[in-house]
């Protein structure tokens, strides 16, 4: 049987490029497994489901090694599980040297292992670089004054007056929130910000 595996990091990302590559290899649509989550580990439902279906001499296509995962040690471990335990072949479409169907002799296996280790290292390193770039981007945005999270709504004109009544125990929090037209948790959060006496 021929299988395909596709992974995108978020639900917003499009798997079209990977699907196109698998269609060119004539992977049956019903044998393509798609996960929409991070490649940091292999706890992915569709990957696990595909793993359960695999039989000896089956073939898996993936577009690039980073679609399999981004954790160096786990990629190597999964490659071992697939090729040695499950005894399936893997083809990484973007890297011809990573095609376990060829070169099953000692030299071919050695070359595949070396290329796999280098690419797995690069994939994990890229994951670290992505996190670092995100962190730097957030810090730069904060310096520019960009506010993250939901913008705060303006407080109603009567907020300070109602907040004082609540703090004095004249009304309960639920009533105060209702009078201000906001959820109770929002009222409590905003009340902490106001220096009401």
Protein backbone atom coordinates (compact mmCIF):
# COMPACT_ATOMS: atom_id res chain seq x y z
CA UNK A 1 0.00 0.00 0.00
CA UNK A 2 1.06 3.57 -0.63
CA UNK A 3 0.50 6.23 2.05
CA UNK A 4 1.12 9.94 2.33
CA UNK A 5 1.67 12.03 5.41
CA UNK A 6 0.99 15.77 5.60
CA UNK A 7 1.56 18.11 8.52
CA UNK A 8 0.96 21.81 8.95
CA UNK A 9 1.68 23.60 12.22
CA UNK A 10 -1.65 25.39 12.63
CA UNK A 11 -5.23 25.13 11.44
CA UNK A 12 -4.75 28.37 9.51
CA UNK A 13 -1.91 26.98 7.39
CA UNK A 14 -2.69 25.41 4.04
CA UNK A 15 -1.63 21.87 3.20
CA UNK A 16 -2.15 22.43 -0.55
CA UNK A 17 1.53 22.38 -1.51
CA UNK A 18 2.08 19.04 0.24
CA UNK A 19 -1.13 17.56 -1.17
CA UNK A 20 -0.09 18.55 -4.70
CA UNK A 21 3.24 16.74 -4.25
CA UNK A 22 1.47 13.59 -3.00
CA UNK A 23 -1.07 13.73 -5.85
CA UNK A 24 1.83 13.82 -8.33
CA UNK A 25 3.08 10.60 -6.73
CA UNK A 26 -0.43 9.16 -7.16
CA UNK A 27 -0.98 8.51 -3.48
CA UNK A 28 -4.63 7.45 -3.05
CA UNK A 29 -6.61 10.24 -1.34
CA UNK A 30 -7.99 7.83 1.27
CA UNK A 31 -4.40 6.93 2.27
CA UNK A 32 -3.29 10.49 2.98
CA UNK A 33 -3.12 11.37 6.66
CA UNK A 34 -3.13 15.05 7.66
CA UNK A 35 -2.25 16.53 11.05
CA UNK A 36 -2.68 20.21 11.82
CA UNK A 37 -0.38 20.70 14.77
CA UNK A 38 3.19 21.37 15.79
CA UNK A 39 6.00 19.06 14.77
CA UNK A 40 7.65 19.19 18.19
CA UNK A 41 6.61 15.59 18.98
CA UNK A 42 4.81 12.63 17.44
CA UNK A 43 1.68 12.69 19.62
CA UNK A 44 -0.44 13.44 16.54
CA UNK A 45 -3.73 11.58 15.98
CA UNK A 46 -3.51 11.07 12.23
CA UNK A 47 0.16 10.07 12.33
CA UNK A 48 -0.65 7.48 15.00
CA UNK A 49 -3.61 6.22 12.95
CA UNK A 50 -1.36 5.83 9.88
CA UNK A 51 1.27 4.04 11.97
CA UNK A 52 -1.35 1.49 13.08
CA UNK A 53 -2.29 0.71 9.47
CA UNK A 54 1.23 0.23 8.13
CA UNK A 55 2.30 -3.25 7.06
CA UNK A 56 5.67 -4.60 5.91
CA UNK A 57 6.74 -3.26 2.48
CA UNK A 58 4.21 -0.41 2.50
CA UNK A 59 5.47 2.94 1.20
CA UNK A 60 5.11 6.40 2.81
CA UNK A 61 5.62 9.67 0.94
CA UNK A 62 6.27 12.94 2.77
CA UNK A 63 7.06 16.28 1.13
CA UNK A 64 10.03 17.22 3.33
CA UNK A 65 11.68 15.95 6.51
CA UNK A 66 10.39 18.87 8.60
CA UNK A 67 6.81 17.78 7.78
CA UNK A 68 7.59 14.54 9.59
CA UNK A 69 8.77 16.48 12.63
CA UNK A 70 11.09 19.09 14.07
CA UNK A 71 12.61 17.24 17.00
CA UNK A 72 15.99 15.76 16.00
CA UNK A 73 15.99 12.72 18.28
CA UNK A 74 12.33 11.91 17.71
CA UNK A 75 12.68 12.09 13.91
CA UNK A 76 15.55 9.63 14.05
CA UNK A 77 13.58 7.37 16.41
CA UNK A 78 10.46 7.42 14.20
CA UNK A 79 12.57 6.75 11.11
CA UNK A 80 13.99 3.69 12.91
CA UNK A 81 10.49 2.53 13.95
CA UNK A 82 9.19 2.90 10.41
CA UNK A 83 12.10 1.32 8.56
CA UNK A 84 13.34 -1.28 11.05
CA UNK A 85 10.28 -2.28 13.11
CA UNK A 86 7.45 -1.68 10.65
CA UNK A 87 9.76 -2.50 7.70
CA UNK A 88 8.17 0.12 5.46
CA UNK A 89 9.86 2.35 2.90
CA UNK A 90 9.92 6.13 3.14
CA UNK A 91 10.39 8.66 0.37
CA UNK A 92 11.10 12.29 1.24
CA UNK A 93 10.03 13.98 -1.99
CA UNK A 94 12.23 17.07 -1.61
CA UNK A 95 15.37 15.01 -0.91
CA UNK A 96 16.10 12.20 -3.37
CA UNK A 97 18.78 10.71 -1.11
CA UNK A 98 16.07 9.97 1.47
CA UNK A 99 14.38 7.19 -0.48
CA UNK A 100 14.77 3.90 1.40
CA UNK A 101 13.76 1.91 -1.70
CA UNK A 102 17.15 2.56 -3.26
CA UNK A 103 20.53 1.63 -2.02
CA UNK A 104 19.53 -1.04 0.46
CA UNK A 105 23.18 -2.06 0.54
CA UNK A 106 25.53 -0.88 3.29
CA UNK A 107 26.68 2.25 1.40
CA UNK A 108 23.12 3.29 0.50
CA UNK A 109 21.96 2.82 4.09
CA UNK A 110 24.97 4.77 5.39
CA UNK A 111 24.30 7.70 3.01
CA UNK A 112 20.60 7.76 3.93
CA UNK A 113 21.45 7.74 7.64
CA UNK A 114 23.94 10.61 7.29
CA UNK A 115 21.54 12.74 5.21
CA UNK A 116 18.69 11.98 7.62
CA UNK A 117 20.76 13.04 10.63
CA UNK A 118 21.83 16.30 8.97
CA UNK A 119 18.29 17.15 7.84
CA UNK A 120 16.78 16.24 11.21
CA UNK A 121 19.29 18.52 12.91
CA UNK A 122 18.41 21.31 10.48
CA UNK A 123 14.67 20.79 11.10
CA UNK A 124 15.07 21.04 14.88
CA UNK A 125 17.38 24.02 14.56
CA UNK A 126 14.78 25.76 12.39
CA UNK A 127 12.14 25.15 15.07
CA UNK A 128 14.41 26.86 17.61
CA UNK A 129 15.06 29.72 15.19
CA UNK A 130 11.33 30.19 14.59
CA UNK A 131 10.71 30.48 18.36
CA UNK A 132 13.58 32.96 18.71
CA UNK A 133 12.31 35.07 15.78
CA UNK A 134 8.81 35.08 17.29
CA UNK A 135 10.17 36.21 20.65
CA UNK A 136 12.29 38.95 19.03
CA UNK A 137 9.31 40.07 16.93
CA UNK A 138 7.06 40.33 19.99
CA UNK A 139 9.70 42.27 21.92
CA UNK A 140 10.22 44.67 18.99
CA UNK A 141 6.46 45.18 18.66
CA UNK A 142 6.14 45.95 22.38
CA UNK A 143 8.92 48.55 22.08
CA UNK A 144 6.92 50.15 19.23
CA UNK A 145 3.91 50.26 21.54
CA UNK A 146 1.90 47.43 19.98
CA UNK A 147 -0.64 46.08 22.47
CA UNK A 148 -1.26 42.32 22.51
CA UNK A 149 -4.47 40.63 23.53
CA UNK A 150 -8.01 41.89 23.35
CA UNK A 151 -8.27 45.68 23.59
CA UNK A 152 -9.89 46.89 26.80
CA UNK A 153 -13.33 48.34 26.45
CA UNK A 154 -14.00 51.76 27.85
CA UNK A 155 -15.43 51.73 31.34
CA UNK A 156 -19.01 52.94 31.76
CA UNK A 157 -19.41 56.41 33.28
CA UNK A 158 -20.82 54.93 36.48
CA UNK A 159 -18.00 52.38 36.99
CA UNK A 160 -16.04 54.20 39.72
CA UNK A 161 -19.23 54.97 41.67
CA UNK A 162 -20.45 51.34 41.45
CA UNK A 163 -16.97 50.02 42.26
CA UNK A 164 -16.93 52.12 45.47
CA UNK A 165 -20.34 50.74 46.49
CA UNK A 166 -19.09 47.18 45.86
CA UNK A 167 -15.89 47.75 47.85
CA UNK A 168 -17.92 49.14 50.76
CA UNK A 169 -20.11 46.02 50.66
CA UNK A 170 -23.26 47.93 49.71
CA UNK A 171 -23.81 45.69 46.66
CA UNK A 172 -22.50 42.25 45.65
CA UNK A 173 -20.13 41.71 42.75
CA UNK A 174 -22.75 40.14 40.49
CA UNK A 175 -25.03 43.15 40.91
CA UNK A 176 -22.15 45.57 40.34
CA UNK A 177 -21.15 43.78 37.14
CA UNK A 178 -24.75 43.83 35.90
CA UNK A 179 -25.06 47.57 36.60
CA UNK A 180 -21.86 48.14 34.62
CA UNK A 181 -22.99 45.90 31.76
CA UNK A 182 -20.02 43.55 31.91
CA UNK A 183 -19.23 39.97 32.89
CA UNK A 184 -18.41 39.40 36.56
CA UNK A 185 -14.78 38.37 35.90
CA UNK A 186 -14.26 41.52 33.81
CA UNK A 187 -15.71 43.64 36.57
CA UNK A 188 -13.35 42.10 39.14
CA UNK A 189 -10.36 42.55 36.87
CA UNK A 190 -11.13 46.17 36.09
CA UNK A 191 -12.01 46.91 39.74
CA UNK A 192 -8.46 45.90 40.73
CA UNK A 193 -7.12 48.54 38.34
CA UNK A 194 -9.19 51.35 39.81
CA UNK A 195 -7.94 52.97 42.98
CA UNK A 196 -11.40 53.42 44.38
CA UNK A 197 -11.70 54.28 48.06
